Amino acid sequence: MENINPVNQEQRGGSKYTQEQRKEWIELWRASGQRQKEFCGEHNLKYLTFVSWVCKNKKAEKERNSTDKKIMSFTELKVVAPPSSFAEITFKQCSVSIFHPVTSDFLRALID
């Protein structure tokens, strides 16, 4: 594989990489099919620094995906009066039945 460098050599002289440049390096590594250590050696990157970039990138992706899933999985809760000793909550794939008196706060906590 040829030595591909997403940043100019002049930029590398002790200065930090931008977040976008770090993402470019990670994308190049993923596309290379190499182990991280091999990739870093080939591209003169500090291995432990690169590992930290990958970890931070994975964490950021996980947080983004987690936030997206929460937004996409929102279900409206309708509390019907009068209060009774029976409650049933129906989701898309299942339902939950409660056979004792509960408050609306309890129901909200149950679905959060």
Protein backbone atom coordinates (compact mmCIF):
# COMPACT_ATOMS: atom_id res chain seq x y z
CA MET A 1 0.00 0.00 0.00
CA GLU A 2 1.32 3.40 -0.85
CA ASN A 3 1.96 5.94 1.89
CA ILE A 4 -1.17 8.11 1.85
CA ASN A 5 -1.08 11.18 4.06
CA PRO A 6 -4.27 13.23 4.55
CA VAL A 7 -2.30 16.22 5.88
CA ASN A 8 0.67 18.17 4.58
CA GLN A 9 4.07 17.24 5.99
CA GLU A 10 4.55 20.85 7.14
CA GLN A 11 1.47 20.56 9.36
CA ARG A 12 2.88 17.51 11.18
CA GLY A 13 5.92 19.26 12.67
CA GLY A 14 4.78 19.13 16.31
CA SER A 15 1.37 20.68 15.76
CA LYS A 16 -1.78 18.83 16.74
CA TYR A 17 -4.12 17.29 14.21
CA THR A 18 -7.59 18.73 13.84
CA GLN A 19 -10.56 16.54 14.67
CA GLU A 20 -11.32 16.24 10.95
CA GLN A 21 -7.76 15.10 10.21
CA ARG A 22 -8.01 12.51 12.97
CA LYS A 23 -11.23 11.19 11.42
CA GLU A 24 -9.47 11.01 8.03
CA TRP A 25 -6.65 8.96 9.58
CA ILE A 26 -9.18 6.62 11.21
CA GLU A 27 -11.05 6.20 7.91
CA LEU A 28 -7.78 5.45 6.10
CA TRP A 29 -6.86 2.87 8.75
CA ARG A 30 -10.27 1.17 8.52
CA ALA A 31 -10.03 1.03 4.73
CA SER A 32 -6.49 -0.38 4.91
CA GLY A 33 -7.44 -3.60 6.69
CA GLN A 34 -4.25 -3.32 8.72
CA ARG A 35 -3.78 -3.63 12.45
CA GLN A 36 -3.49 -0.26 14.17
CA LYS A 37 0.15 -0.78 15.07
CA GLU A 38 1.12 -1.66 11.48
CA PHE A 39 -0.81 1.32 10.12
CA CYS A 40 0.80 3.73 12.58
CA GLY A 41 4.29 2.44 11.77
CA GLU A 42 3.71 2.80 8.05
CA HIS A 43 2.39 6.36 8.40
CA ASN A 44 4.71 7.57 11.18
CA LEU A 45 1.89 8.06 13.68
CA LYS A 46 2.34 7.53 17.40
CA TYR A 47 0.56 4.26 18.15
CA LEU A 48 -0.85 5.17 21.58
CA THR A 49 -2.03 8.55 20.31
CA PHE A 50 -3.80 6.86 17.41
CA VAL A 51 -5.42 4.33 19.75
CA SER A 52 -6.82 7.22 21.82
CA TRP A 53 -8.26 8.81 18.64
CA VAL A 54 -10.00 5.56 17.73
CA CYS A 55 -11.41 5.14 21.26
CA LYS A 56 -12.72 8.71 21.35
CA ASN A 57 -14.22 8.31 17.87
CA LYS A 58 -15.99 5.06 18.88
CA LYS A 59 -17.35 6.71 22.03
CA ALA A 60 -18.64 9.71 20.05
CA GLU A 61 -20.31 7.40 17.49
CA LYS A 62 -21.90 5.37 20.26
CA GLU A 63 -23.28 8.52 21.92
CA ARG A 64 -24.64 9.77 18.60
CA ASN A 65 -26.30 6.42 17.89
CA SER A 66 -27.69 6.23 21.41
CA THR A 67 -29.21 9.70 21.09
CA ASP A 68 -30.66 8.85 17.67
CA LYS A 69 -32.24 5.65 18.98
CA LYS A 70 -33.83 7.44 21.92
CA ILE A 71 -35.41 9.97 19.60
CA MET A 72 -36.58 7.29 17.18
CA SER A 73 -38.06 5.06 19.89
CA PHE A 74 -40.25 7.70 21.58
CA THR A 75 -43.71 6.43 22.43
CA GLU A 76 -46.50 8.65 23.63
CA LEU A 77 -48.04 7.69 26.97
CA LYS A 78 -51.71 8.43 27.56
CA VAL A 79 -52.86 8.25 31.17
CA VAL A 80 -56.60 7.65 31.29
CA ALA A 81 -58.60 8.81 34.33
CA PRO A 82 -60.11 7.74 36.68
CA PRO A 83 -57.36 5.88 38.53
CA SER A 84 -58.02 2.20 38.89
CA SER A 85 -56.31 -0.89 40.18
CA PHE A 86 -55.41 -2.03 36.68
CA ALA A 87 -53.04 -0.53 34.09
CA GLU A 88 -51.96 -1.83 30.72
CA ILE A 89 -49.14 -0.32 28.67
CA THR A 90 -48.94 -1.42 25.05
CA PHE A 91 -45.75 -1.10 23.04
CA LYS A 92 -45.26 -2.05 19.41
CA GLN A 93 -44.10 -5.58 20.22
CA CYS A 94 -45.44 -6.28 23.71
CA SER A 95 -47.68 -5.07 26.50
CA VAL A 96 -47.30 -4.79 30.27
CA SER A 97 -50.22 -5.32 32.65
CA ILE A 98 -50.16 -4.04 36.23
CA PHE A 99 -52.75 -5.36 38.67
CA HIS A 100 -52.37 -2.94 41.56
CA PRO A 101 -52.92 0.80 42.02
CA VAL A 102 -50.17 2.90 40.40
CA THR A 103 -49.58 6.60 39.94
CA SER A 104 -48.88 8.37 36.69
CA ASP A 105 -45.35 9.05 37.97
CA PHE A 106 -44.81 5.30 38.36
CA LEU A 107 -45.94 4.72 34.76
CA ARG A 108 -43.65 7.46 33.45
CA ALA A 109 -40.70 5.96 35.34
CA LEU A 110 -41.54 2.53 33.94
CA ILE A 111 -41.23 3.65 30.30
CA ASP A 112 -38.20 5.94 30.71
